[in-house]
Amino acid sequence: MNDAIERALAAASESFIAASGPGGQNVNKVATAVQLRVDVFALRLAPPVFQRFKQLAGNRMTASGELVLTARKFRTQDANRADARDRLVELIEAAHQLPEKRKKSRLNRVGKTQRLKGKKLRGAVKAGRGKVRPD
């Protein structure tokens, strides 16, 4: 996992773009927002990790396999750069974590009979909602 993080930070390219929001005239003069681009294939992730990474990235990943993160939360380039890199590291760490396997629930005999009784009752209520026939 640490290798993938190091490769990602080494392969990342940053460009600065004009940000919106608070900042007064500073916003008009300085490009403080950071756009971080990483070629996902250069990370050499294992196939299951790559699938989870792709799922987590969502629409931030382009069709050509490039991850694009935009950070514009802060008013300085350095803070936005650190934010973008932190988000990249979090994304890689989350992709490396295995999802917990679902444990099958087990019902005892009493629980099973109560569940079936409830289903019968609900079915009877729904059966009574049919069209009214004039008899």
N, C-alpha and C. Protein backbone atom coordinates (compact mmCIF):
# COMPACT_ATOMS: atom_id res chain seq x y z
N MET A 1 0.83 -1.19 0.00
CA MET A 1 0.00 0.00 0.00
C MET A 1 0.87 1.25 0.00
N ASN A 2 1.94 1.25 0.80
CA ASN A 2 2.82 2.42 0.85
C ASN A 2 3.49 2.66 -0.49
N ASP A 3 3.80 1.57 -1.22
CA ASP A 3 4.41 1.72 -2.54
C ASP A 3 3.45 2.43 -3.49
N ALA A 4 2.18 2.05 -3.43
CA ALA A 4 1.19 2.67 -4.30
C ALA A 4 1.04 4.15 -3.98
N ILE A 5 1.09 4.50 -2.70
CA ILE A 5 0.97 5.90 -2.30
C ILE A 5 2.18 6.69 -2.79
N GLU A 6 3.38 6.12 -2.64
CA GLU A 6 4.58 6.80 -3.11
C GLU A 6 4.57 6.98 -4.62
N ARG A 7 4.13 5.92 -5.34
CA ARG A 7 4.04 6.01 -6.80
C ARG A 7 3.02 7.07 -7.21
N ALA A 8 1.91 7.14 -6.48
CA ALA A 8 0.86 8.11 -6.81
C ALA A 8 1.35 9.53 -6.61
N LEU A 9 2.02 9.77 -5.49
CA LEU A 9 2.51 11.13 -5.23
C LEU A 9 3.61 11.52 -6.21
N ALA A 10 4.41 10.53 -6.65
CA ALA A 10 5.47 10.82 -7.61
C ALA A 10 4.89 11.07 -9.00
N ALA A 11 3.83 10.33 -9.35
CA ALA A 11 3.26 10.44 -10.69
C ALA A 11 2.24 11.57 -10.81
N ALA A 12 1.88 12.20 -9.71
CA ALA A 12 0.86 13.24 -9.74
C ALA A 12 1.39 14.51 -10.40
N SER A 13 0.55 15.09 -11.23
CA SER A 13 0.89 16.38 -11.82
C SER A 13 -0.14 17.40 -11.33
N GLU A 14 0.34 18.56 -10.97
CA GLU A 14 -0.53 19.59 -10.42
C GLU A 14 -0.61 20.78 -11.37
N SER A 15 -1.80 21.33 -11.46
CA SER A 15 -1.96 22.59 -12.18
C SER A 15 -2.86 23.48 -11.33
N PHE A 16 -2.62 24.75 -11.40
CA PHE A 16 -3.39 25.69 -10.58
C PHE A 16 -4.39 26.41 -11.46
N ILE A 17 -5.61 26.50 -10.94
CA ILE A 17 -6.69 27.14 -11.69
C ILE A 17 -7.35 28.18 -10.80
N ALA A 18 -8.07 29.07 -11.42
CA ALA A 18 -8.75 30.12 -10.66
C ALA A 18 -9.88 29.49 -9.86
N ALA A 19 -9.97 29.87 -8.60
CA ALA A 19 -11.01 29.33 -7.72
C ALA A 19 -12.14 30.33 -7.59
N SER A 20 -13.29 29.82 -7.17
CA SER A 20 -14.42 30.70 -6.90
C SER A 20 -14.59 30.82 -5.40
N GLY A 21 -15.51 31.63 -4.98
CA GLY A 21 -15.80 31.74 -3.55
C GLY A 21 -15.14 32.92 -2.90
N PRO A 22 -15.05 32.89 -1.55
CA PRO A 22 -14.53 34.04 -0.81
C PRO A 22 -13.05 34.28 -1.09
N GLY A 23 -12.63 35.49 -0.94
CA GLY A 23 -11.24 35.82 -1.13
C GLY A 23 -11.07 37.21 -1.71
N GLY A 24 -12.16 37.86 -2.04
CA GLY A 24 -12.09 39.23 -2.54
C GLY A 24 -11.32 39.31 -3.85
N GLN A 25 -10.51 40.34 -3.99
CA GLN A 25 -9.74 40.54 -5.21
C GLN A 25 -8.65 39.50 -5.38
N ASN A 26 -8.29 38.82 -4.28
CA ASN A 26 -7.26 37.78 -4.35
C ASN A 26 -7.69 36.67 -5.31
N VAL A 27 -8.99 36.36 -5.34
CA VAL A 27 -9.51 35.32 -6.21
C VAL A 27 -9.30 35.69 -7.67
N ASN A 28 -9.44 36.96 -7.98
CA ASN A 28 -9.29 37.42 -9.36
C ASN A 28 -7.83 37.46 -9.80
N LYS A 29 -6.90 37.57 -8.85
CA LYS A 29 -5.50 37.74 -9.21
C LYS A 29 -4.70 36.44 -9.16
N VAL A 30 -5.03 35.55 -8.21
CA VAL A 30 -4.18 34.38 -7.97
C VAL A 30 -4.97 33.11 -8.23
N ALA A 31 -4.35 32.17 -8.93
CA ALA A 31 -4.97 30.86 -9.17
C ALA A 31 -4.62 29.96 -7.98
N THR A 32 -5.56 29.83 -7.05
CA THR A 32 -5.28 29.09 -5.82
C THR A 32 -5.79 27.66 -5.84
N ALA A 33 -6.77 27.34 -6.66
CA ALA A 33 -7.31 25.99 -6.69
C ALA A 33 -6.31 25.05 -7.38
N VAL A 34 -6.24 23.82 -6.88
CA VAL A 34 -5.29 22.85 -7.41
C VAL A 34 -6.06 21.74 -8.12
N GLN A 35 -5.59 21.39 -9.30
CA GLN A 35 -6.15 20.24 -10.00
C GLN A 35 -5.04 19.19 -10.07
N LEU A 36 -5.25 18.09 -9.36
CA LEU A 36 -4.26 17.02 -9.26
C LEU A 36 -4.66 15.92 -10.24
N ARG A 37 -3.73 15.51 -11.10
CA ARG A 37 -4.00 14.46 -12.08
C ARG A 37 -3.02 13.32 -11.88
N VAL A 38 -3.58 12.08 -11.84
CA VAL A 38 -2.74 10.89 -11.63
C VAL A 38 -3.19 9.83 -12.63
N ASP A 39 -2.21 9.24 -13.32
CA ASP A 39 -2.51 8.10 -14.19
C ASP A 39 -2.66 6.87 -13.30
N VAL A 40 -3.86 6.33 -13.25
CA VAL A 40 -4.17 5.23 -12.33
C VAL A 40 -3.40 3.96 -12.70
N PHE A 41 -3.14 3.76 -13.98
CA PHE A 41 -2.43 2.56 -14.42
C PHE A 41 -0.97 2.59 -13.98
N ALA A 42 -0.43 3.79 -13.75
CA ALA A 42 0.96 3.91 -13.29
C ALA A 42 1.10 3.47 -11.83
N LEU A 43 -0.01 3.38 -11.11
CA LEU A 43 0.04 2.97 -9.71
C LEU A 43 0.27 1.47 -9.57
N ARG A 44 -0.02 0.69 -10.63
CA ARG A 44 0.15 -0.76 -10.64
C ARG A 44 -0.57 -1.42 -9.47
N LEU A 45 -1.86 -1.14 -9.35
CA LEU A 45 -2.67 -1.73 -8.29
C LEU A 45 -3.08 -3.14 -8.67
N ALA A 46 -3.28 -4.00 -7.67
CA ALA A 46 -3.77 -5.35 -7.91
C ALA A 46 -5.20 -5.25 -8.46
N PRO A 47 -5.63 -6.21 -9.28
CA PRO A 47 -6.96 -6.11 -9.90
C PRO A 47 -8.12 -5.88 -8.93
N PRO A 48 -8.21 -6.60 -7.79
CA PRO A 48 -9.34 -6.30 -6.90
C PRO A 48 -9.26 -4.91 -6.28
N VAL A 49 -8.03 -4.47 -5.99
CA VAL A 49 -7.84 -3.12 -5.43
C VAL A 49 -8.19 -2.08 -6.49
N PHE A 50 -7.80 -2.34 -7.74
CA PHE A 50 -8.11 -1.42 -8.83
C PHE A 50 -9.62 -1.28 -9.01
N GLN A 51 -10.35 -2.39 -8.91
CA GLN A 51 -11.81 -2.34 -9.05
C GLN A 51 -12.43 -1.49 -7.95
N ARG A 52 -11.96 -1.69 -6.70
CA ARG A 52 -12.49 -0.88 -5.58
C ARG A 52 -12.12 0.58 -5.77
N PHE A 53 -10.90 0.84 -6.25
CA PHE A 53 -10.44 2.20 -6.49
C PHE A 53 -11.33 2.89 -7.53
N LYS A 54 -11.63 2.15 -8.60
CA LYS A 54 -12.47 2.68 -9.67
C LYS A 54 -13.87 3.00 -9.14
N GLN A 55 -14.38 2.12 -8.29
CA GLN A 55 -15.71 2.32 -7.70
C GLN A 55 -15.71 3.56 -6.80
N LEU A 56 -14.67 3.70 -5.99
CA LEU A 56 -14.59 4.84 -5.06
C LEU A 56 -14.37 6.16 -5.81
N ALA A 57 -13.59 6.12 -6.87
CA ALA A 57 -13.29 7.35 -7.61
C ALA A 57 -14.52 7.88 -8.33
N GLY A 58 -15.35 7.00 -8.84
CA GLY A 58 -16.58 7.41 -9.50
C GLY A 58 -16.30 8.28 -10.72
N ASN A 59 -16.98 9.42 -10.80
CA ASN A 59 -16.82 10.27 -11.98
C ASN A 59 -15.58 11.16 -11.93
N ARG A 60 -14.76 10.99 -10.90
CA ARG A 60 -13.50 11.72 -10.86
C ARG A 60 -12.44 11.03 -11.71
N MET A 61 -12.75 9.82 -12.21
CA MET A 61 -11.82 9.09 -13.05
C MET A 61 -12.29 9.17 -14.50
N THR A 62 -11.37 9.54 -15.39
CA THR A 62 -11.72 9.70 -16.79
C THR A 62 -11.71 8.35 -17.50
N ALA A 63 -12.20 8.32 -18.72
CA ALA A 63 -12.24 7.09 -19.50
C ALA A 63 -10.84 6.60 -19.84
N SER A 64 -9.88 7.50 -19.90
CA SER A 64 -8.51 7.12 -20.23
C SER A 64 -7.73 6.66 -19.00
N GLY A 65 -8.39 6.55 -17.85
CA GLY A 65 -7.73 6.04 -16.65
C GLY A 65 -6.95 7.08 -15.88
N GLU A 66 -7.42 8.31 -15.93
CA GLU A 66 -6.74 9.39 -15.21
C GLU A 66 -7.67 9.88 -14.10
N LEU A 67 -7.13 9.97 -12.90
CA LEU A 67 -7.89 10.47 -11.75
C LEU A 67 -7.67 11.97 -11.67
N VAL A 68 -8.76 12.72 -11.56
CA VAL A 68 -8.68 14.18 -11.48
C VAL A 68 -9.31 14.63 -10.17
N LEU A 69 -8.50 15.19 -9.29
CA LEU A 69 -8.99 15.73 -8.01
C LEU A 69 -8.80 17.24 -8.04
N THR A 70 -9.86 17.96 -7.69
CA THR A 70 -9.79 19.42 -7.64
C THR A 70 -9.99 19.86 -6.19
N ALA A 71 -9.04 20.62 -5.69
CA ALA A 71 -9.12 21.12 -4.31
C ALA A 71 -9.18 22.64 -4.35
N ARG A 72 -10.27 23.19 -3.81
CA ARG A 72 -10.41 24.65 -3.80
C ARG A 72 -11.01 25.13 -2.49
N LYS A 73 -10.83 24.33 -1.46
CA LYS A 73 -11.44 24.64 -0.17
C LYS A 73 -10.75 25.81 0.53
N PHE A 74 -9.44 25.94 0.33
CA PHE A 74 -8.68 26.94 1.07
C PHE A 74 -8.29 28.11 0.17
N ARG A 75 -7.74 29.16 0.78
CA ARG A 75 -7.42 30.37 0.04
C ARG A 75 -5.98 30.42 -0.44
N THR A 76 -5.17 29.42 -0.07
CA THR A 76 -3.77 29.42 -0.50
C THR A 76 -3.48 28.18 -1.34
N GLN A 77 -2.50 28.32 -2.21
CA GLN A 77 -2.11 27.19 -3.06
C GLN A 77 -1.57 26.03 -2.23
N ASP A 78 -0.74 26.33 -1.24
CA ASP A 78 -0.13 25.27 -0.43
C ASP A 78 -1.17 24.45 0.32
N ALA A 79 -2.16 25.13 0.90
CA ALA A 79 -3.20 24.41 1.65
C ALA A 79 -4.04 23.55 0.71
N ASN A 80 -4.35 24.07 -0.48
CA ASN A 80 -5.12 23.30 -1.45
C ASN A 80 -4.31 22.13 -2.00
N ARG A 81 -3.02 22.34 -2.19
CA ARG A 81 -2.15 21.25 -2.66
C ARG A 81 -2.11 20.13 -1.62
N ALA A 82 -1.95 20.50 -0.35
CA ALA A 82 -1.92 19.49 0.71
C ALA A 82 -3.27 18.77 0.82
N ASP A 83 -4.36 19.50 0.65
CA ASP A 83 -5.69 18.90 0.70
C ASP A 83 -5.88 17.88 -0.42
N ALA A 84 -5.45 18.22 -1.63
CA ALA A 84 -5.59 17.31 -2.77
C ALA A 84 -4.75 16.06 -2.57
N ARG A 85 -3.53 16.22 -2.07
CA ARG A 85 -2.67 15.06 -1.82
C ARG A 85 -3.24 14.17 -0.71
N ASP A 86 -3.78 14.79 0.33
CA ASP A 86 -4.39 14.01 1.42
C ASP A 86 -5.58 13.20 0.91
N ARG A 87 -6.39 13.82 0.06
CA ARG A 87 -7.56 13.12 -0.50
C ARG A 87 -7.13 11.97 -1.40
N LEU A 88 -6.04 12.13 -2.13
CA LEU A 88 -5.51 11.04 -2.95
C LEU A 88 -5.05 9.88 -2.09
N VAL A 89 -4.33 10.18 -1.01
CA VAL A 89 -3.86 9.13 -0.10
C VAL A 89 -5.04 8.40 0.54
N GLU A 90 -6.05 9.15 0.97
CA GLU A 90 -7.24 8.54 1.58
C GLU A 90 -7.94 7.61 0.59
N LEU A 91 -8.01 8.01 -0.67
CA LEU A 91 -8.66 7.20 -1.69
C LEU A 91 -7.91 5.89 -1.91
N ILE A 92 -6.60 5.96 -1.96
CA ILE A 92 -5.79 4.75 -2.15
C ILE A 92 -5.90 3.83 -0.94
N GLU A 93 -5.87 4.41 0.26
CA GLU A 93 -6.00 3.59 1.47
C GLU A 93 -7.37 2.91 1.54
N ALA A 94 -8.41 3.63 1.16
CA ALA A 94 -9.76 3.05 1.19
C ALA A 94 -9.88 1.91 0.18
N ALA A 95 -9.21 2.03 -0.95
CA ALA A 95 -9.27 0.98 -1.97
C ALA A 95 -8.54 -0.28 -1.51
N HIS A 96 -7.54 -0.13 -0.66
CA HIS A 96 -6.79 -1.29 -0.18
C HIS A 96 -7.52 -2.04 0.93
N GLN A 97 -8.53 -1.43 1.54
CA GLN A 97 -9.25 -2.10 2.62
C GLN A 97 -10.28 -3.06 2.06
N LEU A 98 -10.25 -4.29 2.55
CA LEU A 98 -11.22 -5.30 2.12
C LEU A 98 -12.58 -5.01 2.73
N PRO A 99 -13.65 -5.17 1.94
CA PRO A 99 -14.98 -4.99 2.54
C PRO A 99 -15.29 -6.16 3.47
N GLU A 100 -16.02 -5.87 4.53
CA GLU A 100 -16.36 -6.92 5.48
C GLU A 100 -17.35 -7.87 4.85
N LYS A 101 -17.12 -9.17 5.08
CA LYS A 101 -18.02 -10.17 4.52
C LYS A 101 -19.29 -10.21 5.34
N ARG A 102 -20.40 -10.37 4.66
CA ARG A 102 -21.69 -10.41 5.33
C ARG A 102 -21.85 -11.77 5.97
N LYS A 103 -22.26 -11.76 7.24
CA LYS A 103 -22.50 -13.00 7.95
C LYS A 103 -23.97 -13.36 7.82
N LYS A 104 -24.22 -14.61 7.48
CA LYS A 104 -25.58 -15.06 7.29
C LYS A 104 -26.29 -15.10 8.63
N SER A 105 -27.49 -14.54 8.68
CA SER A 105 -28.23 -14.55 9.95
C SER A 105 -28.91 -15.90 10.14
N ARG A 106 -29.04 -16.29 11.38
CA ARG A 106 -29.68 -17.57 11.69
C ARG A 106 -30.86 -17.32 12.61
N LEU A 107 -32.02 -17.80 12.18
CA LEU A 107 -33.22 -17.66 13.00
C LEU A 107 -33.50 -18.97 13.72
N ASN A 108 -33.97 -18.86 14.96
CA ASN A 108 -34.39 -20.08 15.65
C ASN A 108 -35.83 -20.41 15.25
N ARG A 109 -36.34 -21.51 15.75
CA ARG A 109 -37.67 -21.99 15.35
C ARG A 109 -38.75 -20.97 15.70
N VAL A 110 -38.69 -20.38 16.89
CA VAL A 110 -39.71 -19.42 17.32
C VAL A 110 -39.69 -18.19 16.43
N GLY A 111 -38.51 -17.68 16.12
CA GLY A 111 -38.39 -16.51 15.26
C GLY A 111 -38.92 -16.78 13.87
N LYS A 112 -38.67 -18.00 13.38
CA LYS A 112 -39.14 -18.36 12.04
C LYS A 112 -40.67 -18.42 11.99
N THR A 113 -41.29 -19.03 13.02
CA THR A 113 -42.76 -19.12 13.05
C THR A 113 -43.39 -17.73 13.18
N GLN A 114 -42.78 -16.86 13.98
CA GLN A 114 -43.31 -15.49 14.12
C GLN A 114 -43.22 -14.73 12.80
N ARG A 115 -42.12 -14.91 12.09
CA ARG A 115 -41.96 -14.25 10.79
C ARG A 115 -43.01 -14.73 9.80
N LEU A 116 -43.23 -16.04 9.76
CA LEU A 116 -44.22 -16.60 8.84
C LEU A 116 -45.63 -16.17 9.21
N LYS A 117 -45.91 -16.07 10.52
CA LYS A 117 -47.23 -15.62 10.98
C LYS A 117 -47.46 -14.17 10.54
N GLY A 118 -46.43 -13.34 10.66
CA GLY A 118 -46.53 -11.95 10.23
C GLY A 118 -46.76 -11.83 8.74
N LYS A 119 -46.10 -12.71 7.96
CA LYS A 119 -46.30 -12.69 6.51
C LYS A 119 -47.72 -13.08 6.14
N LYS A 120 -48.28 -14.08 6.83
CA LYS A 120 -49.66 -14.51 6.58
C LYS A 120 -50.64 -13.38 6.89
N LEU A 121 -50.39 -12.70 8.01
CA LEU A 121 -51.26 -11.60 8.42
C LEU A 121 -51.21 -10.47 7.39
N ARG A 122 -50.01 -10.15 6.94
CA ARG A 122 -49.84 -9.07 5.95
C ARG A 122 -50.51 -9.46 4.62
N GLY A 123 -50.38 -10.73 4.24
CA GLY A 123 -51.02 -11.20 3.02
C GLY A 123 -52.53 -11.12 3.10
N ALA A 124 -53.08 -11.41 4.29
CA ALA A 124 -54.53 -11.34 4.48
C ALA A 124 -55.01 -9.89 4.36
N VAL A 125 -54.24 -8.96 4.92
CA VAL A 125 -54.59 -7.54 4.82
C VAL A 125 -54.59 -7.11 3.36
N LYS A 126 -53.58 -7.52 2.62
CA LYS A 126 -53.50 -7.12 1.21
C LYS A 126 -54.56 -7.79 0.37
N ALA A 127 -54.93 -9.03 0.72
CA ALA A 127 -55.97 -9.74 -0.02
C ALA A 127 -57.32 -9.05 0.16
N GLY A 128 -57.53 -8.41 1.30
CA GLY A 128 -58.78 -7.71 1.56
C GLY A 128 -58.90 -6.38 0.82
N ARG A 129 -57.87 -5.99 0.11
CA ARG A 129 -57.87 -4.72 -0.61
C ARG A 129 -58.33 -4.86 -2.05
N GLY A 130 -58.82 -6.01 -2.42
CA GLY A 130 -59.23 -6.24 -3.80
C GLY A 130 -60.47 -5.43 -4.18
N LYS A 131 -60.91 -5.60 -5.43
CA LYS A 131 -62.10 -4.88 -5.89
C LYS A 131 -63.33 -5.37 -5.15
N VAL A 132 -64.22 -4.47 -4.87
CA VAL A 132 -65.45 -4.81 -4.17
C VAL A 132 -66.44 -5.31 -5.20
N ARG A 133 -67.00 -6.51 -4.96
CA ARG A 133 -67.99 -7.08 -5.89
C ARG A 133 -69.38 -6.94 -5.31
N PRO A 134 -70.30 -6.45 -6.07
CA PRO A 134 -71.67 -6.35 -5.56
C PRO A 134 -72.31 -7.74 -5.51
N ASP A 135 -72.50 -8.30 -4.33
CA ASP A 135 -73.10 -9.63 -4.18
C ASP A 135 -74.54 -9.52 -3.77
